[in-house]
Protein backbone atom coordinates (compact mmCIF):
# COMPACT_ATOMS: atom_id res chain seq x y z
CA MET A 1 0.00 0.00 0.00
CA SER A 2 1.26 3.48 -0.84
CA ASP A 3 2.23 5.65 2.11
CA ILE A 4 0.55 8.63 0.44
CA LEU A 5 -2.75 9.40 2.14
CA THR A 6 -5.78 9.07 -0.11
CA CYS A 7 -7.75 11.71 1.77
CA ALA A 8 -7.03 15.41 2.07
CA ALA A 9 -4.76 16.46 4.90
CA PRO A 10 -6.70 17.74 7.90
CA GLN A 11 -6.81 21.48 8.49
CA PRO A 12 -7.36 21.74 12.25
CA LEU A 13 -5.51 24.95 13.06
CA ALA A 14 -8.46 27.34 12.72
CA ALA A 15 -10.57 25.16 14.99
CA LEU A 16 -7.76 24.91 17.55
CA LEU A 17 -7.36 28.67 17.61
CA GLU A 18 -11.01 28.94 18.61
CA ILE A 19 -10.33 27.08 21.86
CA GLY A 20 -9.61 30.38 23.55
CA ARG A 21 -6.24 29.56 25.10
CA PRO A 22 -2.67 29.67 23.79
CA LEU A 23 -1.68 26.61 21.78
CA VAL A 24 1.54 24.74 22.54
CA MET A 25 3.59 23.54 19.57
CA GLY A 26 6.17 20.91 20.47
CA VAL A 27 9.50 20.99 18.63
CA LEU A 28 10.90 17.79 17.13
CA ASN A 29 14.18 18.17 15.27
CA VAL A 30 15.26 15.00 13.46
CA THR A 31 18.59 16.63 12.64
CA PRO A 32 22.19 16.16 13.74
CA ASP A 33 22.91 19.88 14.08
CA SER A 34 20.00 21.84 15.55
CA PHE A 35 21.20 24.39 18.11
CA SER A 36 19.45 22.94 21.17
CA ASP A 37 18.90 19.23 20.62
CA GLY A 38 20.85 18.34 17.49
CA GLY A 39 21.40 14.59 17.28
CA ARG A 40 19.12 13.62 20.16
CA PHE A 41 16.25 12.49 17.94
CA VAL A 42 17.99 11.23 14.82
CA ALA A 43 17.05 7.61 15.62
CA PRO A 44 13.44 7.16 14.42
CA ASP A 45 12.27 5.20 17.47
CA VAL A 46 13.63 7.90 19.79
CA ALA A 47 12.00 10.66 17.73
CA ILE A 48 8.62 8.92 17.69
CA SER A 49 8.82 8.22 21.41
CA HIS A 50 9.59 11.87 22.09
CA ALA A 51 6.66 13.00 19.95
CA ARG A 52 4.40 10.60 21.84
CA GLN A 53 5.61 12.07 25.13
CA MET A 54 4.98 15.62 23.93
CA VAL A 55 1.41 14.66 23.06
CA ALA A 56 0.98 13.11 26.52
CA ASP A 57 2.40 16.31 28.03
CA GLY A 58 -0.21 18.44 26.30
CA ALA A 59 1.20 19.51 22.92
CA ASP A 60 -1.51 20.77 20.58
CA ILE A 61 0.73 20.63 17.49
CA ILE A 62 3.96 18.78 16.68
CA ASP A 63 6.46 20.67 14.52
CA VAL A 64 8.85 18.34 12.71
CA GLY A 65 12.02 19.61 11.08
CA ALA A 66 14.65 17.61 9.18
CA GLU A 67 17.03 20.41 8.21
CA SER A 68 18.56 22.69 10.79
CA THR A 69 17.51 26.31 10.41
CA ARG A 70 19.26 27.41 13.58
CA PRO A 71 19.79 31.14 13.56
CA TYR A 72 23.41 31.23 14.74
CA GLY A 73 25.18 29.72 11.77
CA GLY A 74 27.08 26.49 11.38
CA MET A 75 24.16 24.43 10.09
CA LYS A 76 24.74 22.28 7.04
CA PRO A 77 22.18 22.65 4.23
CA VAL A 78 20.80 19.35 3.01
CA ASP A 79 19.24 18.49 -0.33
CA THR A 80 15.65 17.37 -0.82
CA PRO A 81 16.37 13.59 -0.89
CA GLU A 82 18.31 13.79 2.39
CA GLU A 83 15.65 15.87 4.11
CA ILE A 84 12.92 13.47 2.98
CA SER A 85 14.99 10.47 4.04
CA ARG A 86 15.14 11.87 7.58
CA LEU A 87 11.38 12.44 7.63
CA THR A 88 10.35 9.15 6.02
CA PRO A 89 10.55 6.83 9.05
CA VAL A 90 8.98 9.28 11.51
CA LEU A 91 6.33 11.38 9.81
CA GLY A 92 3.65 8.72 9.39
CA PRO A 93 3.82 7.46 12.99
CA ILE A 94 3.79 11.02 14.32
CA VAL A 95 0.77 11.94 12.21
CA GLY A 96 -0.85 8.84 13.67
CA LEU A 97 -0.58 10.28 17.18
CA GLY A 98 -3.65 12.39 16.47
CA ARG A 99 -2.22 15.89 16.69
CA PRO A 100 -1.79 18.28 13.76
CA VAL A 101 1.73 18.05 12.39
CA SER A 102 3.55 21.02 10.91
CA VAL A 103 6.55 20.52 8.65
CA ASP A 104 9.41 22.94 9.25
CA THR A 105 11.16 23.28 5.90
CA LEU A 106 12.58 25.80 3.46
CA LYS A 107 11.66 23.69 0.44
CA SER A 108 8.30 23.50 -1.29
CA SER A 109 9.23 20.03 -2.58
CA VAL A 110 9.67 18.74 0.96
CA ALA A 111 6.51 20.49 2.12
CA ALA A 112 4.54 18.86 -0.72
CA TRP A 113 5.92 15.44 0.17
CA ALA A 114 5.00 15.92 3.84
CA LEU A 115 1.51 17.20 3.07
CA ASP A 116 0.91 14.10 0.93
CA ARG A 117 1.69 12.01 3.99
CA GLY A 118 -0.53 13.74 6.51
CA ALA A 119 1.23 16.92 7.61
CA ALA A 120 -1.38 19.63 8.09
CA ILE A 121 0.63 22.86 8.36
CA VAL A 122 3.61 24.36 6.53
CA ASN A 123 6.11 26.21 8.73
CA ASP A 124 8.22 28.39 6.42
CA VAL A 125 11.07 30.13 8.22
CA TRP A 126 11.51 32.47 5.25
CA GLY A 127 7.91 33.64 5.18
CA LEU A 128 7.15 32.69 1.54
CA GLN A 129 10.08 34.84 0.40
CA ARG A 130 12.83 32.28 -0.26
CA ASP A 131 11.37 29.38 -2.28
CA PRO A 132 9.35 30.91 -5.13
CA ASP A 133 7.09 27.85 -5.31
CA MET A 134 6.11 27.77 -1.63
CA ALA A 135 3.21 30.21 -1.82
CA SER A 136 1.60 28.49 -4.80
CA LEU A 137 1.95 25.11 -3.08
CA VAL A 138 0.23 26.37 0.08
CA ALA A 139 -2.53 27.95 -2.00
CA ARG A 140 -3.16 24.76 -4.01
CA ARG A 141 -3.20 22.56 -0.93
CA ARG A 142 -5.32 25.01 1.07
CA VAL A 143 -3.35 24.41 4.25
CA PRO A 144 -2.33 26.81 7.01
CA VAL A 145 1.12 28.39 6.74
CA ILE A 146 3.34 29.90 9.39
CA VAL A 147 5.07 32.97 7.95
CA MET A 148 8.27 33.70 9.86
CA HIS A 149 10.41 36.81 9.64
CA ASN A 150 14.03 36.22 8.78
CA ARG A 151 17.16 38.05 7.72
CA ASP A 152 20.44 36.74 6.34
CA THR A 153 22.36 38.82 8.86
CA ALA A 154 21.56 40.86 11.92
CA ASP A 155 21.84 44.63 11.72
CA PRO A 156 21.85 46.24 15.15
CA ALA A 157 21.20 49.68 13.61
CA ILE A 158 17.72 48.94 12.27
CA ASP A 159 14.34 49.32 13.93
CA ILE A 160 13.55 45.62 14.17
CA VAL A 161 9.83 46.04 14.78
CA ASP A 162 9.57 48.14 11.63
CA ASP A 163 11.65 45.58 9.70
CA VAL A 164 9.44 42.69 10.84
CA THR A 165 6.32 44.69 10.00
CA ARG A 166 7.56 45.43 6.49
CA PHE A 167 8.55 41.79 5.99
CA PHE A 168 5.11 40.59 7.05
CA ALA A 169 3.46 43.07 4.71
CA ARG A 170 5.51 41.71 1.81
CA SER A 171 4.75 38.10 2.76
CA LEU A 172 1.04 38.86 2.93
CA GLU A 173 1.23 40.47 -0.51
CA ILE A 174 2.87 37.30 -1.88
CA ALA A 175 0.24 35.17 -0.16
CA ALA A 176 -2.61 37.22 -1.60
CA GLN A 177 -1.16 37.07 -5.11
CA ALA A 178 -0.88 33.28 -4.82
CA GLY A 179 -4.44 32.94 -3.55
CA ILE A 180 -3.71 31.89 0.03
CA ALA A 181 -6.73 32.64 2.20
CA ARG A 182 -5.84 35.16 4.87
CA ASP A 183 -7.45 33.05 7.59
CA ARG A 184 -4.87 30.31 6.93
CA ILE A 185 -1.88 32.49 7.85
CA VAL A 186 0.00 32.68 11.15
CA LEU A 187 2.74 35.26 11.73
CA ASP A 188 6.00 34.49 13.55
CA PRO A 189 8.49 37.30 14.32
CA GLY A 190 11.38 34.81 14.17
CA ILE A 191 13.08 35.26 17.53
CA GLY A 192 16.83 34.92 17.07
CA PHE A 193 16.75 34.80 13.29
CA GLY A 194 18.70 37.71 11.78
CA LYS A 195 18.40 39.62 15.05
CA THR A 196 20.64 40.69 17.86
CA ALA A 197 19.72 39.56 21.36
CA GLU A 198 18.39 43.04 22.07
CA GLN A 199 16.24 42.95 18.95
CA SER A 200 14.81 39.56 19.90
CA ILE A 201 13.89 40.92 23.31
CA ALA A 202 12.32 43.97 21.65
CA CYS A 203 10.17 41.77 19.40
CA ILE A 204 8.77 39.93 22.41
CA GLY A 205 8.23 43.08 24.42
CA LYS A 206 6.52 44.80 21.48
CA LEU A 207 4.75 41.73 20.11
CA ALA A 208 1.41 43.53 20.26
CA ALA A 209 2.61 45.76 17.41
CA PHE A 210 2.18 42.84 15.02
CA ARG A 211 -1.45 42.34 16.01
CA THR A 212 -2.34 45.18 13.66
CA PHE A 213 -2.38 42.57 10.87
CA GLY A 214 -5.31 40.86 12.57
CA LEU A 215 -3.69 37.42 12.33
CA PRO A 216 -2.62 34.84 14.93
CA ILE A 217 0.94 35.23 16.18
CA LEU A 218 3.32 32.37 16.94
CA LEU A 219 6.22 32.97 19.32
CA GLY A 220 9.21 30.64 19.36
CA ALA A 221 11.57 31.82 22.09
CA SER A 222 12.44 28.41 23.49
CA ARG A 223 16.07 28.12 24.59
CA LYS A 224 17.13 30.95 22.27
CA ARG A 225 20.45 32.72 22.71
CA PHE A 226 18.92 36.05 23.78
CA ILE A 227 18.21 34.39 27.14
CA ALA A 228 21.95 33.93 27.66
CA SER A 229 22.47 37.64 27.01
CA VAL A 230 20.43 38.29 30.15
CA VAL A 231 21.64 35.31 32.23
CA PRO A 232 24.65 33.39 30.85
CA SER A 233 23.51 29.85 30.11
CA GLN A 234 23.67 26.95 27.69
CA PRO A 235 20.57 25.94 25.68
CA GLN A 236 19.62 23.13 28.07
CA GLU A 237 19.81 25.59 30.99
CA ARG A 238 17.27 28.08 29.58
CA LEU A 239 13.94 26.59 30.67
CA ALA A 240 13.14 29.37 33.14
CA GLY A 241 14.02 32.07 30.62
CA SER A 242 11.95 30.34 27.95
CA LEU A 243 8.93 30.18 30.24
CA ALA A 244 9.30 33.86 31.13
CA ALA A 245 9.50 34.86 27.48
CA HIS A 246 6.50 32.79 26.47
CA LEU A 247 4.34 33.99 29.36
CA ILE A 248 5.13 37.61 28.47
CA GLY A 249 4.53 36.78 24.82
CA VAL A 250 1.10 35.38 25.55
CA GLU A 251 0.25 38.50 27.55
CA ASN A 252 1.30 40.52 24.50
CA GLY A 253 -0.86 38.55 22.09
CA ALA A 254 0.83 35.29 21.10
CA ALA A 255 -1.72 32.64 20.14
CA ILE A 256 0.82 29.81 19.76
CA VAL A 257 4.12 29.14 21.51
CA ARG A 258 6.69 26.84 19.94
CA VAL A 259 8.65 25.05 22.65
CA HIS A 260 11.05 22.23 23.45
CA ASP A 261 9.75 21.73 27.00
CA VAL A 262 6.07 20.96 26.54
CA ARG A 263 5.08 19.71 29.99
CA GLU A 264 6.62 22.67 31.82
CA THR A 265 5.15 25.17 29.36
CA VAL A 266 1.66 23.71 29.62
CA GLN A 267 1.85 23.90 33.41
CA ALA A 268 3.06 27.51 33.36
CA LEU A 269 0.32 28.59 30.95
CA ARG A 270 -2.41 26.84 32.94
CA VAL A 271 -1.28 28.39 36.22
CA ALA A 272 -1.09 31.84 34.63
CA ASP A 273 -4.58 31.37 33.20
CA ALA A 274 -5.93 30.28 36.59
CA ILE A 275 -4.48 33.37 38.22
CA ARG A 276 -5.82 35.69 35.55
CA SER A 277 -9.29 34.20 35.91
CA VAL A 278 -9.67 35.54 39.47
CA THR A 279 -8.16 38.99 39.01
């Protein structure tokens, strides 16, 4: 039997966003060189087990990436066959866990392959502005897309909020020209990508500025280097800083948080919600 699904991929994101609480997206990197957990989940059985644990811990979405897009350099680009080979043993079983799966990729060819096999969301870290075929693919498949701000290099002299705003405007223009429905778009300011630590902090603190687009915002601050600029730490030592950033981000309008530590994040969000409910 072919491993290509015969039915259309589910499109659950809009319904999830109606729940009325922040969604938690669990990160699964099946790569040898991701900045935080590179190599930990290369073995398919380990990756699938970790995804299963994230679901048990409360993840609403699982984000699977097979090519490192870490923002600090040093990652090794991989071609389409290699990226697909890393996804092949894990994607089907993870889709089978019953949570929407997003595919984190720069390539429309990989996104198409993943959508054929049950992925429900495309997570494009270049916001439809790098692969010229990505927008048309998303439009044809009628799936949600996460549009992330990115820059090739950081420029400490720029107004980062203005730069992100202009980038989003351009991405939304590309999306509209391709025929992507506006209600299928999520915006991500791309914490750490092409930004100084100070600029990443500014994006979180001023996250509400991006709500002017009237679209859901995803915040991915988990274990990012800006935390170490405040308190020196290695990626595995940044849980507390990640929780602080995501709680502030939710207060400032984030609808989705993308995290490595699902259980701890779910607990923090639930406690914060309980406290807010009585104030």
